[in-house]
Amino acid sequence: MKVVLTILPEKIQRQVNIQPGCSVEDVLRACAFLPDSYIVLRGTTPIPITDVLDADSELVAVRVASGG
């Protein structure tokens, strides 16, 4: 399966080939990203990193930051 991941705010696009049954977390880790540092969207809907991807997907990962 192929997943296209767009990373914001950098507007970087990555294509990741994954096995069926992989989760959003697996995709983020395959890109060497810390899953807790991103909110992932399918279209305009946020999805949990535990969601299992079942077909070719296009996702958007928005980097989040907190601090004082």
N, C-alpha and C. Protein backbone atom coordinates (compact mmCIF):
# COMPACT_ATOMS: atom_id res chain seq x y z
N MET A 1 0.84 -1.18 0.00
CA MET A 1 0.00 0.00 0.00
C MET A 1 0.88 1.24 0.00
N LYS A 2 0.35 2.28 -0.57
CA LYS A 2 1.09 3.53 -0.67
C LYS A 2 0.37 4.60 0.15
N VAL A 3 1.12 5.32 0.95
CA VAL A 3 0.58 6.44 1.72
C VAL A 3 1.35 7.69 1.32
N VAL A 4 0.62 8.73 0.97
CA VAL A 4 1.23 10.03 0.69
C VAL A 4 0.98 10.90 1.92
N LEU A 5 2.06 11.36 2.52
CA LEU A 5 1.99 12.15 3.75
C LEU A 5 2.52 13.54 3.48
N THR A 6 1.67 14.54 3.70
CA THR A 6 2.08 15.93 3.57
C THR A 6 2.32 16.48 4.97
N ILE A 7 3.51 17.02 5.20
CA ILE A 7 3.88 17.53 6.51
C ILE A 7 3.76 19.05 6.50
N LEU A 8 2.99 19.57 7.45
CA LEU A 8 2.83 21.01 7.59
C LEU A 8 3.45 21.47 8.89
N PRO A 9 3.98 22.63 9.00
CA PRO A 9 3.88 23.75 8.08
C PRO A 9 4.94 23.76 6.98
N GLU A 10 5.82 22.78 6.93
CA GLU A 10 6.92 22.79 5.97
C GLU A 10 6.48 22.52 4.53
N LYS A 11 5.29 21.96 4.35
CA LYS A 11 4.76 21.59 3.04
C LYS A 11 5.66 20.58 2.33
N ILE A 12 6.17 19.64 3.10
CA ILE A 12 6.99 18.54 2.57
C ILE A 12 6.05 17.37 2.30
N GLN A 13 6.27 16.70 1.18
CA GLN A 13 5.46 15.53 0.87
C GLN A 13 6.33 14.29 0.81
N ARG A 14 5.89 13.24 1.50
CA ARG A 14 6.63 11.98 1.52
C ARG A 14 5.69 10.87 1.07
N GLN A 15 6.25 9.93 0.35
CA GLN A 15 5.50 8.75 -0.06
C GLN A 15 6.08 7.55 0.66
N VAL A 16 5.21 6.79 1.35
CA VAL A 16 5.66 5.67 2.16
C VAL A 16 4.92 4.42 1.70
N ASN A 17 5.66 3.35 1.46
CA ASN A 17 5.04 2.06 1.15
C ASN A 17 4.94 1.26 2.44
N ILE A 18 3.73 0.81 2.75
CA ILE A 18 3.49 0.09 3.99
C ILE A 18 2.76 -1.22 3.71
N GLN A 19 2.80 -2.10 4.68
CA GLN A 19 2.07 -3.36 4.61
C GLN A 19 0.63 -3.14 5.07
N PRO A 20 -0.31 -3.95 4.57
CA PRO A 20 -1.69 -3.86 5.07
C PRO A 20 -1.71 -4.06 6.58
N GLY A 21 -2.59 -3.32 7.24
CA GLY A 21 -2.70 -3.44 8.69
C GLY A 21 -1.83 -2.48 9.46
N CYS A 22 -1.04 -1.65 8.77
CA CYS A 22 -0.19 -0.67 9.45
C CYS A 22 -1.04 0.50 9.93
N SER A 23 -0.57 1.11 11.01
CA SER A 23 -1.30 2.23 11.60
C SER A 23 -0.67 3.56 11.16
N VAL A 24 -1.37 4.63 11.51
CA VAL A 24 -0.84 5.97 11.27
C VAL A 24 0.49 6.13 12.00
N GLU A 25 0.58 5.60 13.19
CA GLU A 25 1.84 5.66 13.95
C GLU A 25 2.98 5.00 13.17
N ASP A 26 2.72 3.86 12.53
CA ASP A 26 3.74 3.18 11.73
C ASP A 26 4.24 4.07 10.59
N VAL A 27 3.32 4.79 9.97
CA VAL A 27 3.69 5.69 8.87
C VAL A 27 4.58 6.81 9.39
N LEU A 28 4.20 7.42 10.52
CA LEU A 28 5.02 8.49 11.09
C LEU A 28 6.41 7.99 11.46
N ARG A 29 6.47 6.83 12.06
CA ARG A 29 7.78 6.27 12.44
C ARG A 29 8.62 5.92 11.22
N ALA A 30 7.98 5.48 10.13
CA ALA A 30 8.71 5.18 8.90
C ALA A 30 9.35 6.44 8.31
N CYS A 31 8.76 7.59 8.64
CA CYS A 31 9.32 8.88 8.20
C CYS A 31 10.27 9.47 9.23
N ALA A 32 10.54 8.73 10.30
CA ALA A 32 11.42 9.17 11.40
C ALA A 32 10.84 10.36 12.16
N PHE A 33 9.50 10.38 12.29
CA PHE A 33 8.83 11.42 13.07
C PHE A 33 8.33 10.83 14.38
N LEU A 34 8.34 11.64 15.43
CA LEU A 34 7.77 11.23 16.71
C LEU A 34 6.25 11.39 16.62
N PRO A 35 5.50 10.32 16.76
CA PRO A 35 4.05 10.39 16.58
C PRO A 35 3.35 11.40 17.49
N ASP A 36 3.85 11.61 18.70
CA ASP A 36 3.21 12.56 19.61
C ASP A 36 3.43 14.02 19.21
N SER A 37 4.25 14.25 18.21
CA SER A 37 4.55 15.61 17.77
C SER A 37 3.68 16.07 16.60
N TYR A 38 2.73 15.23 16.18
CA TYR A 38 1.92 15.53 15.00
C TYR A 38 0.45 15.22 15.24
N ILE A 39 -0.40 16.03 14.64
CA ILE A 39 -1.81 15.72 14.52
C ILE A 39 -2.01 15.31 13.07
N VAL A 40 -2.62 14.15 12.87
CA VAL A 40 -2.77 13.63 11.51
C VAL A 40 -4.21 13.78 11.07
N LEU A 41 -4.38 14.24 9.83
CA LEU A 41 -5.70 14.46 9.26
C LEU A 41 -5.90 13.58 8.03
N ARG A 42 -7.11 13.07 7.89
CA ARG A 42 -7.53 12.43 6.64
C ARG A 42 -8.58 13.38 6.08
N GLY A 43 -8.23 14.07 5.01
CA GLY A 43 -9.08 15.17 4.54
C GLY A 43 -8.99 16.30 5.55
N THR A 44 -10.12 16.64 6.14
CA THR A 44 -10.11 17.68 7.18
C THR A 44 -10.44 17.11 8.56
N THR A 45 -10.46 15.79 8.66
CA THR A 45 -10.83 15.13 9.91
C THR A 45 -9.61 14.59 10.64
N PRO A 46 -9.39 15.01 11.89
CA PRO A 46 -8.28 14.44 12.66
C PRO A 46 -8.53 12.95 12.93
N ILE A 47 -7.47 12.16 12.85
CA ILE A 47 -7.59 10.73 13.14
C ILE A 47 -6.53 10.33 14.17
N PRO A 48 -6.84 9.34 15.00
CA PRO A 48 -5.86 8.90 16.01
C PRO A 48 -4.72 8.14 15.35
N ILE A 49 -3.56 8.16 16.01
CA ILE A 49 -2.40 7.46 15.45
C ILE A 49 -2.58 5.95 15.48
N THR A 50 -3.59 5.48 16.19
CA THR A 50 -3.85 4.03 16.25
C THR A 50 -4.73 3.55 15.10
N ASP A 51 -5.25 4.47 14.29
CA ASP A 51 -6.08 4.06 13.15
C ASP A 51 -5.27 3.20 12.19
N VAL A 52 -5.89 2.11 11.76
CA VAL A 52 -5.26 1.21 10.80
C VAL A 52 -5.64 1.67 9.39
N LEU A 53 -4.64 1.78 8.54
CA LEU A 53 -4.87 2.22 7.17
C LEU A 53 -5.19 1.00 6.31
N ASP A 54 -6.27 1.10 5.53
CA ASP A 54 -6.73 -0.07 4.80
C ASP A 54 -6.57 0.02 3.28
N ALA A 55 -6.16 1.14 2.76
CA ALA A 55 -5.96 1.28 1.32
C ALA A 55 -4.99 2.44 1.09
N ASP A 56 -4.66 2.67 -0.17
CA ASP A 56 -3.81 3.82 -0.47
C ASP A 56 -4.45 5.06 0.15
N SER A 57 -3.65 5.85 0.84
CA SER A 57 -4.19 6.98 1.59
C SER A 57 -3.38 8.24 1.34
N GLU A 58 -4.07 9.37 1.50
CA GLU A 58 -3.40 10.67 1.53
C GLU A 58 -3.70 11.27 2.88
N LEU A 59 -2.64 11.56 3.63
CA LEU A 59 -2.78 12.10 4.97
C LEU A 59 -2.01 13.41 5.07
N VAL A 60 -2.41 14.22 6.03
CA VAL A 60 -1.72 15.47 6.34
C VAL A 60 -1.28 15.38 7.80
N ALA A 61 -0.01 15.63 8.06
CA ALA A 61 0.52 15.64 9.43
C ALA A 61 0.89 17.08 9.78
N VAL A 62 0.24 17.61 10.80
CA VAL A 62 0.50 18.97 11.25
C VAL A 62 1.36 18.90 12.49
N ARG A 63 2.55 19.51 12.40
CA ARG A 63 3.46 19.52 13.54
C ARG A 63 2.90 20.43 14.62
N VAL A 64 2.90 19.94 15.84
CA VAL A 64 2.40 20.73 16.97
C VAL A 64 3.55 21.04 17.91
N ALA A 65 3.39 22.14 18.62
CA ALA A 65 4.41 22.53 19.60
C ALA A 65 3.71 23.17 20.78
N SER A 66 4.31 23.01 21.91
CA SER A 66 3.77 23.68 23.10
C SER A 66 4.95 24.21 23.89
N GLY A 67 4.68 25.11 24.73
CA GLY A 67 5.75 25.66 25.53
C GLY A 67 5.31 26.98 26.15
N GLY A 68 6.26 27.61 26.76
CA GLY A 68 5.90 28.86 27.44
C GLY A 68 6.69 30.01 26.97
